Amino acid sequence: MQLELSDIRSRWNEVLDLLEKSDRIAWLAFFDARLASYENELLTLDFSDSRKFGTSHEYSETRAKQIALLKTSIFTIFSVTVEIIEL
């Protein structure tokens, strides 16, 4: 079965619930992301409606951990390894 964006959207709450169990801060970081697109195992998350990432704080090390946790949750639910792009 080929994974489609609609498949991810239909089970996104499961992904977020699993993520919350492993790291609540990561869950908060992705909680309001919009699933913009999914193509060739590349998931694009849109944060344009969110203002919480509009700061000048350095969070690259923490963000890398959060993305890794999100990818693990997606893999657990869908058995597919994805890359993440953030808009």
Protein backbone atom coordinates (compact mmCIF):
# COMPACT_ATOMS: atom_id res chain seq x y z
CA MET A 1 0.00 0.00 0.00
CA GLN A 2 1.28 3.41 -0.97
CA LEU A 3 0.89 5.97 1.80
CA GLU A 4 -1.05 9.09 0.80
CA LEU A 5 -1.51 12.44 2.51
CA SER A 6 -5.13 11.53 3.24
CA ASP A 7 -3.91 8.41 5.11
CA ILE A 8 -1.62 10.52 7.27
CA ARG A 9 -4.36 13.08 7.92
CA SER A 10 -6.84 10.40 8.93
CA ARG A 11 -4.47 9.03 11.58
CA TRP A 12 -2.57 12.22 12.50
CA ASN A 13 -4.11 12.28 15.98
CA GLU A 14 -2.70 8.79 16.58
CA VAL A 15 0.74 10.05 15.58
CA LEU A 16 0.40 13.03 17.92
CA ASP A 17 -0.89 10.85 20.78
CA LEU A 18 2.12 8.56 20.43
CA LEU A 19 4.45 11.56 20.25
CA GLU A 20 2.91 13.02 23.41
CA LYS A 21 3.64 9.78 25.28
CA SER A 22 7.33 10.03 24.42
CA ASP A 23 7.84 13.82 24.71
CA ARG A 24 5.19 16.38 25.60
CA ILE A 25 7.33 19.31 24.42
CA ALA A 26 7.69 17.71 20.98
CA TRP A 27 3.94 17.14 20.94
CA LEU A 28 3.39 20.84 21.66
CA ALA A 29 5.78 21.76 18.86
CA PHE A 30 3.85 19.80 16.22
CA PHE A 31 0.36 19.99 17.70
CA ASP A 32 -0.77 22.85 15.44
CA ALA A 33 1.14 21.92 12.30
CA ARG A 34 -0.91 21.64 9.13
CA LEU A 35 -0.09 18.71 6.90
CA ALA A 36 0.68 20.56 3.67
CA SER A 37 1.85 17.76 1.39
CA TYR A 38 3.30 14.27 1.21
CA GLU A 39 5.21 13.11 -1.84
CA ASN A 40 8.08 10.66 -2.29
CA GLU A 41 8.22 10.04 1.48
CA LEU A 42 8.64 13.79 2.11
CA LEU A 43 6.09 15.23 4.54
CA THR A 44 5.72 19.02 4.52
CA LEU A 45 4.38 20.65 7.68
CA ASP A 46 3.01 24.19 7.46
CA PHE A 47 3.30 26.44 10.50
CA SER A 48 2.23 29.64 8.73
CA ASP A 49 -0.76 30.00 11.06
CA SER A 50 1.43 29.56 14.11
CA ARG A 51 3.31 32.41 15.73
CA LYS A 52 5.19 30.36 18.32
CA PHE A 53 8.13 29.75 15.97
CA GLY A 54 8.49 33.40 15.03
CA THR A 55 11.17 34.13 17.61
CA SER A 56 14.90 34.55 17.34
CA HIS A 57 15.65 31.89 19.95
CA GLU A 58 18.15 29.21 19.00
CA TYR A 59 16.45 25.84 19.16
CA SER A 60 18.12 23.84 16.39
CA GLU A 61 19.44 21.09 18.68
CA THR A 62 16.08 20.71 20.40
CA ARG A 63 14.22 20.90 17.10
CA ALA A 64 16.31 18.08 15.62
CA LYS A 65 15.31 15.88 18.57
CA GLN A 66 11.65 16.83 18.16
CA ILE A 67 11.68 16.01 14.45
CA ALA A 68 13.36 12.67 15.16
CA LEU A 69 10.64 11.83 17.68
CA LEU A 70 7.91 12.81 15.20
CA LYS A 71 9.49 10.64 12.50
CA THR A 72 9.62 7.73 14.96
CA SER A 73 5.93 8.18 15.79
CA ILE A 74 5.02 8.27 12.09
CA PHE A 75 7.07 5.13 11.48
CA THR A 76 5.37 3.36 14.39
CA ILE A 77 1.89 4.16 13.04
CA PHE A 78 2.53 3.75 9.28
CA SER A 79 5.74 1.66 9.00
CA VAL A 80 7.11 4.29 6.62
CA THR A 81 10.24 6.39 7.05
CA VAL A 82 9.62 10.01 6.09
CA GLU A 83 11.64 13.17 5.89
CA ILE A 84 10.13 16.35 7.34
CA ILE A 85 10.07 19.82 5.79
CA GLU A 86 8.78 22.76 7.83
CA LEU A 87 7.32 25.87 6.22
